[in-house]
């Protein structure tokens, strides 16, 4: 039983890290856009952040993309290339 527990602990720790990463991204984006983004609306794949949301939100993020990317690099060690 301990072996199964250790196995699931690995997945739990990966999931927690992913949620914290997305939460941090939400906070950073909020600093610049003043709009709340749900954690479920953010996906990270191949160092590119994809955000589901309104066109207004996406436009605002696009206008402030360079500042947001700088802040992400400064606050975290996550290498993000682009935001879409």
PDB file of N, CA and C in Angstrom:
ATOM      1  N   UNK A   1       0.814  -1.199   0.000  1.00  0.00           N
ATOM      2  CA  UNK A   1       0.000   0.000   0.000  1.00  0.00           C
ATOM      3  C   UNK A   1       0.856   1.260   0.000  1.00  0.00           C
ATOM      4  N   UNK A   2       2.024   1.195   0.646  1.00  0.00           N
ATOM      5  CA  UNK A   2       2.884   2.370   0.663  1.00  0.00           C
ATOM      6  C   UNK A   2       3.383   2.709  -0.732  1.00  0.00           C
ATOM      7  N   UNK A   3       3.609   1.701  -1.547  1.00  0.00           N
ATOM      8  CA  UNK A   3       4.081   1.929  -2.910  1.00  0.00           C
ATOM      9  C   UNK A   3       3.031   2.688  -3.731  1.00  0.00           C
ATOM     10  N   UNK A   4       1.787   2.316  -3.573  1.00  0.00           N
ATOM     11  CA  UNK A   4       0.708   2.998  -4.286  1.00  0.00           C
ATOM     12  C   UNK A   4       0.592   4.439  -3.796  1.00  0.00           C
ATOM     13  N   UNK A   5       0.733   4.633  -2.521  1.00  0.00           N
ATOM     14  CA  UNK A   5       0.673   5.974  -1.947  1.00  0.00           C
ATOM     15  C   UNK A   5       1.779   6.854  -2.510  1.00  0.00           C
ATOM     16  N   UNK A   6       2.975   6.336  -2.604  1.00  0.00           N
ATOM     17  CA  UNK A   6       4.095   7.103  -3.162  1.00  0.00           C
ATOM     18  C   UNK A   6       3.839   7.434  -4.629  1.00  0.00           C
ATOM     19  N   UNK A   7       3.269   6.487  -5.346  1.00  0.00           N
ATOM     20  CA  UNK A   7       2.958   6.693  -6.751  1.00  0.00           C
ATOM     21  C   UNK A   7       1.988   7.864  -6.931  1.00  0.00           C
ATOM     22  N   UNK A   8       0.935   7.891  -6.131  1.00  0.00           N
ATOM     23  CA  UNK A   8      -0.044   8.967  -6.248  1.00  0.00           C
ATOM     24  C   UNK A   8       0.477  10.285  -5.697  1.00  0.00           C
ATOM     25  N   UNK A   9       1.404  10.246  -4.763  1.00  0.00           N
ATOM     26  CA  UNK A   9       2.009  11.470  -4.257  1.00  0.00           C
ATOM     27  C   UNK A   9       2.765  12.211  -5.352  1.00  0.00           C
ATOM     28  N   UNK A  10       3.375  11.474  -6.265  1.00  0.00           N
ATOM     29  CA  UNK A  10       4.075  12.104  -7.382  1.00  0.00           C
ATOM     30  C   UNK A  10       3.107  12.917  -8.227  1.00  0.00           C
ATOM     31  N   UNK A  11       1.956  12.336  -8.538  1.00  0.00           N
ATOM     32  CA  UNK A  11       0.964  13.038  -9.342  1.00  0.00           C
ATOM     33  C   UNK A  11       0.378  14.228  -8.591  1.00  0.00           C
ATOM     34  N   UNK A  12       0.172  14.065  -7.318  1.00  0.00           N
ATOM     35  CA  UNK A  12      -0.378  15.142  -6.508  1.00  0.00           C
ATOM     36  C   UNK A  12       0.574  16.326  -6.487  1.00  0.00           C
ATOM     37  N   UNK A  13       1.864  16.070  -6.322  1.00  0.00           N
ATOM     38  CA  UNK A  13       2.827  17.161  -6.260  1.00  0.00           C
ATOM     39  C   UNK A  13       2.934  17.882  -7.603  1.00  0.00           C
ATOM     40  N   UNK A  14       2.846  17.141  -8.703  1.00  0.00           N
ATOM     41  CA  UNK A  14       2.881  17.759 -10.027  1.00  0.00           C
ATOM     42  C   UNK A  14       1.638  18.632 -10.225  1.00  0.00           C
ATOM     43  N   UNK A  15       0.501  18.148  -9.814  1.00  0.00           N
ATOM     44  CA  UNK A  15      -0.742  18.908  -9.960  1.00  0.00           C
ATOM     45  C   UNK A  15      -0.714  20.182  -9.121  1.00  0.00           C
ATOM     46  N   UNK A  16      -0.191  20.095  -7.923  1.00  0.00           N
ATOM     47  CA  UNK A  16      -0.115  21.271  -7.050  1.00  0.00           C
ATOM     48  C   UNK A  16       0.831  22.310  -7.651  1.00  0.00           C
ATOM     49  N   UNK A  17       1.953  21.869  -8.188  1.00  0.00           N
ATOM     50  CA  UNK A  17       2.893  22.804  -8.817  1.00  0.00           C
ATOM     51  C   UNK A  17       2.249  23.500 -10.010  1.00  0.00           C
ATOM     52  N   UNK A  18       1.504  22.755 -10.801  1.00  0.00           N
ATOM     53  CA  UNK A  18       0.837  23.335 -11.963  1.00  0.00           C
ATOM     54  C   UNK A  18      -0.209  24.363 -11.538  1.00  0.00           C
ATOM     55  N   UNK A  19      -0.967  24.060 -10.510  1.00  0.00           N
ATOM     56  CA  UNK A  19      -1.972  25.010 -10.024  1.00  0.00           C
ATOM     57  C   UNK A  19      -1.321  26.272  -9.479  1.00  0.00           C
ATOM     58  N   UNK A  20      -0.231  26.131  -8.745  1.00  0.00           N
ATOM     59  CA  UNK A  20       0.475  27.308  -8.220  1.00  0.00           C
ATOM     60  C   UNK A  20       1.033  28.163  -9.353  1.00  0.00           C
ATOM     61  N   UNK A  21       1.533  27.507 -10.398  1.00  0.00           N
ATOM     62  CA  UNK A  21       2.076  28.228 -11.549  1.00  0.00           C
ATOM     63  C   UNK A  21       0.969  29.039 -12.220  1.00  0.00           C
ATOM     64  N   UNK A  22      -0.170  28.417 -12.427  1.00  0.00           N
ATOM     65  CA  UNK A  22      -1.296  29.118 -13.054  1.00  0.00           C
ATOM     66  C   UNK A  22      -1.821  30.244 -12.167  1.00  0.00           C
ATOM     67  N   UNK A  23      -1.848  30.007 -10.866  1.00  0.00           N
ATOM     68  CA  UNK A  23      -2.304  31.037  -9.932  1.00  0.00           C
ATOM     69  C   UNK A  23      -1.376  32.244  -9.980  1.00  0.00           C
ATOM     70  N   UNK A  24      -0.082  31.997 -10.028  1.00  0.00           N
ATOM     71  CA  UNK A  24       0.891  33.082 -10.116  1.00  0.00           C
ATOM     72  C   UNK A  24       0.698  33.870 -11.405  1.00  0.00           C
ATOM     73  N   UNK A  25       0.454  33.164 -12.498  1.00  0.00           N
ATOM     74  CA  UNK A  25       0.210  33.841 -13.768  1.00  0.00           C
ATOM     75  C   UNK A  25      -1.051  34.702 -13.708  1.00  0.00           C
ATOM     76  N   UNK A  26      -2.086  34.196 -13.054  1.00  0.00           N
ATOM     77  CA  UNK A  26      -3.323  34.972 -12.893  1.00  0.00           C
ATOM     78  C   UNK A  26      -3.060  36.270 -12.137  1.00  0.00           C
ATOM     79  N   UNK A  27      -2.277  36.178 -11.082  1.00  0.00           N
ATOM     80  CA  UNK A  27      -1.969  37.353 -10.266  1.00  0.00           C
ATOM     81  C   UNK A  27      -1.163  38.369 -11.078  1.00  0.00           C
ATOM     82  N   UNK A  28      -0.184  37.903 -11.818  1.00  0.00           N
ATOM     83  CA  UNK A  28       0.642  38.803 -12.617  1.00  0.00           C
ATOM     84  C   UNK A  28      -0.185  39.484 -13.702  1.00  0.00           C
ATOM     85  N   UNK A  29      -1.019  38.742 -14.369  1.00  0.00           N
ATOM     86  CA  UNK A  29      -1.865  39.331 -15.414  1.00  0.00           C
ATOM     87  C   UNK A  29      -2.843  40.324 -14.806  1.00  0.00           C
ATOM     88  N   UNK A  30      -3.355  40.021 -13.613  1.00  0.00           N
ATOM     89  CA  UNK A  30      -4.274  40.943 -12.940  1.00  0.00           C
ATOM     90  C   UNK A  30      -3.583  42.273 -12.620  1.00  0.00           C
ATOM     91  N   UNK A  31      -2.298  42.219 -12.253  1.00  0.00           N
ATOM     92  CA  UNK A  31      -1.567  43.448 -11.940  1.00  0.00           C
ATOM     93  C   UNK A  31      -1.587  44.429 -13.111  1.00  0.00           C
ATOM     94  N   UNK A  32      -1.523  43.912 -14.320  1.00  0.00           N
ATOM     95  CA  UNK A  32      -1.434  44.770 -15.490  1.00  0.00           C
ATOM     96  C   UNK A  32      -2.777  45.061 -16.138  1.00  0.00           C
ATOM     97  N   UNK A  33      -3.737  44.138 -16.040  1.00  0.00           N
ATOM     98  CA  UNK A  33      -5.008  44.323 -16.735  1.00  0.00           C
ATOM     99  C   UNK A  33      -6.170  44.663 -15.808  1.00  0.00           C
ATOM    100  N   UNK A  34      -6.017  44.384 -14.529  1.00  0.00           N
ATOM    101  CA  UNK A  34      -7.090  44.578 -13.534  1.00  0.00           C
ATOM    102  C   UNK A  34      -8.328  43.758 -13.859  1.00  0.00           C
ATOM    103  N   UNK A  35      -8.122  42.631 -14.539  1.00  0.00           N
ATOM    104  CA  UNK A  35      -9.223  41.719 -14.841  1.00  0.00           C
ATOM    105  C   UNK A  35      -8.889  40.337 -14.296  1.00  0.00           C
ATOM    106  N   UNK A  36      -9.858  39.746 -13.612  1.00  0.00           N
ATOM    107  CA  UNK A  36      -9.659  38.412 -13.049  1.00  0.00           C
ATOM    108  C   UNK A  36      -9.772  37.351 -14.136  1.00  0.00           C
ATOM    109  N   UNK A  37      -8.832  36.416 -14.083  1.00  0.00           N
ATOM    110  CA  UNK A  37      -8.843  35.281 -14.989  1.00  0.00           C
ATOM    111  C   UNK A  37      -8.922  34.031 -14.134  1.00  0.00           C
ATOM    112  N   UNK A  38      -9.816  33.136 -14.496  1.00  0.00           N
ATOM    113  CA  UNK A  38      -9.955  31.878 -13.768  1.00  0.00           C
ATOM    114  C   UNK A  38      -8.777  30.971 -14.101  1.00  0.00           C
ATOM    115  N   UNK A  39      -8.331  30.211 -13.122  1.00  0.00           N
ATOM    116  CA  UNK A  39      -7.199  29.300 -13.309  1.00  0.00           C
ATOM    117  C   UNK A  39      -7.498  28.302 -14.433  1.00  0.00           C
ATOM    118  N   UNK A  40      -8.751  27.915 -14.576  1.00  0.00           N
ATOM    119  CA  UNK A  40      -9.137  26.950 -15.608  1.00  0.00           C
ATOM    120  C   UNK A  40      -8.990  27.525 -17.016  1.00  0.00           C
ATOM    121  N   UNK A  41      -8.935  28.850 -17.137  1.00  0.00           N
ATOM    122  CA  UNK A  41      -8.867  29.489 -18.449  1.00  0.00           C
ATOM    123  C   UNK A  41      -7.438  29.670 -18.956  1.00  0.00           C
ATOM    124  N   UNK A  42      -6.456  29.201 -18.210  1.00  0.00           N
ATOM    125  CA  UNK A  42      -5.057  29.328 -18.600  1.00  0.00           C
ATOM    126  C   UNK A  42      -4.480  27.955 -18.886  1.00  0.00           C
ATOM    127  N   UNK A  43      -3.833  27.838 -20.038  1.00  0.00           N
ATOM    128  CA  UNK A  43      -3.096  26.622 -20.355  1.00  0.00           C
ATOM    129  C   UNK A  43      -1.683  27.018 -20.785  1.00  0.00           C
ATOM    130  N   UNK A  44      -0.739  26.174 -20.424  1.00  0.00           N
ATOM    131  CA  UNK A  44       0.659  26.413 -20.786  1.00  0.00           C
ATOM    132  C   UNK A  44       1.133  25.209 -21.584  1.00  0.00           C
ATOM    133  N   UNK A  45       1.596  25.481 -22.798  1.00  0.00           N
ATOM    134  CA  UNK A  45       2.069  24.400 -23.653  1.00  0.00           C
ATOM    135  C   UNK A  45       3.202  24.939 -24.519  1.00  0.00           C
ATOM    136  N   UNK A  46       4.338  24.258 -24.481  1.00  0.00           N
ATOM    137  CA  UNK A  46       5.512  24.654 -25.268  1.00  0.00           C
ATOM    138  C   UNK A  46       5.934  26.095 -24.993  1.00  0.00           C
ATOM    139  N   UNK A  47       5.921  26.490 -23.728  1.00  0.00           N
ATOM    140  CA  UNK A  47       6.313  27.830 -23.277  1.00  0.00           C
ATOM    141  C   UNK A  47       5.419  28.937 -23.831  1.00  0.00           C
ATOM    142  N   UNK A  48       4.192  28.598 -24.183  1.00  0.00           N
ATOM    143  CA  UNK A  48       3.215  29.573 -24.659  1.00  0.00           C
ATOM    144  C   UNK A  48       1.986  29.498 -23.777  1.00  0.00           C
ATOM    145  N   UNK A  49       1.561  30.643 -23.273  1.00  0.00           N
ATOM    146  CA  UNK A  49       0.359  30.722 -22.445  1.00  0.00           C
ATOM    147  C   UNK A  49      -0.830  30.981 -23.358  1.00  0.00           C
ATOM    148  N   UNK A  50      -1.861  30.181 -23.225  1.00  0.00           N
ATOM    149  CA  UNK A  50      -3.123  30.404 -23.940  1.00  0.00           C
ATOM    150  C   UNK A  50      -4.175  30.773 -22.909  1.00  0.00           C
ATOM    151  N   UNK A  51      -4.888  31.854 -23.193  1.00  0.00           N
ATOM    152  CA  UNK A  51      -5.900  32.337 -22.256  1.00  0.00           C
ATOM    153  C   UNK A  51      -7.246  32.362 -22.956  1.00  0.00           C
ATOM    154  N   UNK A  52      -8.232  31.744 -22.312  1.00  0.00           N
ATOM    155  CA  UNK A  52      -9.602  31.800 -22.811  1.00  0.00           C
ATOM    156  C   UNK A  52     -10.250  33.009 -22.160  1.00  0.00           C
ATOM    157  N   UNK A  53     -10.891  33.823 -22.953  1.00  0.00           N
ATOM    158  CA  UNK A  53     -11.551  34.990 -22.394  1.00  0.00           C
ATOM    159  C   UNK A  53     -12.123  35.854 -23.497  1.00  0.00           C
ATOM    160  N   UNK A  54     -12.609  37.003 -23.092  1.00  0.00           N
ATOM    161  CA  UNK A  54     -13.221  37.912 -24.055  1.00  0.00           C
ATOM    162  C   UNK A  54     -12.158  38.541 -24.953  1.00  0.00           C
ATOM    163  N   UNK A  55     -12.615  39.062 -26.062  1.00  0.00           N
ATOM    164  CA  UNK A  55     -11.694  39.709 -26.994  1.00  0.00           C
ATOM    165  C   UNK A  55     -11.090  40.960 -26.367  1.00  0.00           C
ATOM    166  N   UNK A  56     -11.837  41.640 -25.517  1.00  0.00           N
ATOM    167  CA  UNK A  56     -11.314  42.818 -24.825  1.00  0.00           C
ATOM    168  C   UNK A  56     -10.152  42.463 -23.915  1.00  0.00           C
ATOM    169  N   UNK A  57     -10.299  41.368 -23.189  1.00  0.00           N
ATOM    170  CA  UNK A  57      -9.220  40.904 -22.311  1.00  0.00           C
ATOM    171  C   UNK A  57      -7.992  40.544 -23.121  1.00  0.00           C
ATOM    172  N   UNK A  58      -8.182  39.821 -24.194  1.00  0.00           N
ATOM    173  CA  UNK A  58      -7.056  39.410 -25.031  1.00  0.00           C
ATOM    174  C   UNK A  58      -6.349  40.623 -25.645  1.00  0.00           C
ATOM    175  N   UNK A  59      -7.118  41.632 -26.042  1.00  0.00           N
ATOM    176  CA  UNK A  59      -6.524  42.847 -26.602  1.00  0.00           C
ATOM    177  C   UNK A  59      -5.689  43.575 -25.559  1.00  0.00           C
ATOM    178  N   UNK A  60      -6.216  43.668 -24.351  1.00  0.00           N
ATOM    179  CA  UNK A  60      -5.494  44.338 -23.279  1.00  0.00           C
ATOM    180  C   UNK A  60      -4.207  43.592 -22.934  1.00  0.00           C
ATOM    181  N   UNK A  61      -4.272  42.278 -22.910  1.00  0.00           N
ATOM    182  CA  UNK A  61      -3.079  41.472 -22.649  1.00  0.00           C
ATOM    183  C   UNK A  61      -2.075  41.657 -23.783  1.00  0.00           C
ATOM    184  N   UNK A  62      -2.540  41.705 -25.019  1.00  0.00           N
ATOM    185  CA  UNK A  62      -1.654  41.888 -26.155  1.00  0.00           C
ATOM    186  C   UNK A  62      -0.913  43.222 -26.066  1.00  0.00           C
ATOM    187  N   UNK A  63      -1.626  44.275 -25.658  1.00  0.00           N
ATOM    188  CA  UNK A  63      -1.002  45.594 -25.549  1.00  0.00           C
ATOM    189  C   UNK A  63       0.078  45.629 -24.470  1.00  0.00           C
ATOM    190  N   UNK A  64      -0.089  44.847 -23.427  1.00  0.00           N
ATOM    191  CA  UNK A  64       0.844  44.860 -22.303  1.00  0.00           C
ATOM    192  C   UNK A  64       1.679  43.585 -22.230  1.00  0.00           C
ATOM    193  N   UNK A  65       1.758  42.856 -23.338  1.00  0.00           N
ATOM    194  CA  UNK A  65       2.400  41.543 -23.366  1.00  0.00           C
ATOM    195  C   UNK A  65       3.857  41.588 -22.930  1.00  0.00           C
ATOM    196  N   UNK A  66       4.618  42.549 -23.425  1.00  0.00           N
ATOM    197  CA  UNK A  66       6.050  42.585 -23.096  1.00  0.00           C
ATOM    198  C   UNK A  66       6.267  42.813 -21.607  1.00  0.00           C
ATOM    199  N   UNK A  67       5.484  43.695 -20.998  1.00  0.00           N
ATOM    200  CA  UNK A  67       5.611  43.948 -19.560  1.00  0.00           C
ATOM    201  C   UNK A  67       5.193  42.723 -18.748  1.00  0.00           C
ATOM    202  N   UNK A  68       4.138  42.049 -19.197  1.00  0.00           N
ATOM    203  CA  UNK A  68       3.674  40.848 -18.498  1.00  0.00           C
ATOM    204  C   UNK A  68       4.734  39.751 -18.574  1.00  0.00           C
ATOM    205  N   UNK A  69       5.312  39.554 -19.759  1.00  0.00           N
ATOM    206  CA  UNK A  69       6.347  38.525 -19.914  1.00  0.00           C
ATOM    207  C   UNK A  69       7.577  38.833 -19.061  1.00  0.00           C
ATOM    208  N   UNK A  70       7.964  40.102 -18.986  1.00  0.00           N
ATOM    209  CA  UNK A  70       9.094  40.501 -18.129  1.00  0.00           C
ATOM    210  C   UNK A  70       8.801  40.188 -16.669  1.00  0.00           C
ATOM    211  N   UNK A  71       7.589  40.508 -16.233  1.00  0.00           N
ATOM    212  CA  UNK A  71       7.212  40.275 -14.839  1.00  0.00           C
ATOM    213  C   UNK A  71       7.163  38.785 -14.526  1.00  0.00           C
ATOM    214  N   UNK A  72       6.685  37.973 -15.448  1.00  0.00           N
ATOM    215  CA  UNK A  72       6.643  36.523 -15.238  1.00  0.00           C
ATOM    216  C   UNK A  72       8.054  35.994 -15.060  1.00  0.00           C
ATOM    217  N   UNK A  73       8.969  36.444 -15.900  1.00  0.00           N
ATOM    218  CA  UNK A  73      10.356  35.998 -15.797  1.00  0.00           C
ATOM    219  C   UNK A  73      10.997  36.482 -14.497  1.00  0.00           C
ATOM    220  N   UNK A  74      10.638  37.687 -14.078  1.00  0.00           N
ATOM    221  CA  UNK A  74      11.214  38.259 -12.857  1.00  0.00           C
ATOM    222  C   UNK A  74      10.712  37.544 -11.602  1.00  0.00           C
ATOM    223  N   UNK A  75       9.416  37.265 -11.534  1.00  0.00           N
ATOM    224  CA  UNK A  75       8.829  36.675 -10.336  1.00  0.00           C
ATOM    225  C   UNK A  75       8.961  35.161 -10.269  1.00  0.00           C
ATOM    226  N   UNK A  76       9.054  34.513 -11.414  1.00  0.00           N
ATOM    227  CA  UNK A  76       9.138  33.053 -11.442  1.00  0.00           C
ATOM    228  C   UNK A  76      10.307  32.648 -12.332  1.00  0.00           C
ATOM    229  N   UNK A  77      10.603  31.388 -12.328  1.00  0.00           N
ATOM    230  CA  UNK A  77      11.629  30.872 -13.229  1.00  0.00           C
ATOM    231  C   UNK A  77      10.994  30.170 -14.417  1.00  0.00           C
ATOM    232  N   UNK A  78       9.777  30.544 -14.716  1.00  0.00           N
ATOM    233  CA  UNK A  78       9.054  29.952 -15.836  1.00  0.00           C
ATOM    234  C   UNK A  78       9.456  30.697 -17.102  1.00  0.00           C
ATOM    235  N   UNK A  79       9.930  29.971 -18.091  1.00  0.00           N
ATOM    236  CA  UNK A  79      10.280  30.583 -19.358  1.00  0.00           C
ATOM    237  C   UNK A  79       9.060  30.575 -20.257  1.00  0.00           C
ATOM    238  N   UNK A  80       8.499  31.751 -20.488  1.00  0.00           N
ATOM    239  CA  UNK A  80       7.336  31.903 -21.338  1.00  0.00           C
ATOM    240  C   UNK A  80       7.759  32.739 -22.548  1.00  0.00           C
ATOM    241  N   UNK A  81       7.427  32.256 -23.735  1.00  0.00           N
ATOM    242  CA  UNK A  81       7.819  32.909 -24.973  1.00  0.00           C
ATOM    243  C   UNK A  81       6.727  33.846 -25.485  1.00  0.00           C
ATOM    244  N   UNK A  82       5.459  33.444 -25.319  1.00  0.00           N
ATOM    245  CA  UNK A  82       4.364  34.203 -25.904  1.00  0.00           C
ATOM    246  C   UNK A  82       3.085  34.010 -25.100  1.00  0.00           C
ATOM    247  N   UNK A  83       2.165  34.932 -25.287  1.00  0.00           N
ATOM    248  CA  UNK A  83       0.827  34.843 -24.685  1.00  0.00           C
ATOM    249  C   UNK A  83      -0.178  34.965 -25.815  1.00  0.00           C
ATOM    250  N   UNK A  84      -1.082  34.020 -25.877  1.00  0.00           N
ATOM    251  CA  UNK A  84      -2.119  34.053 -26.928  1.00  0.00           C
ATOM    252  C   UNK A  84      -3.482  33.989 -26.317  1.00  0.00           C
TER     253      UNK A  84
END
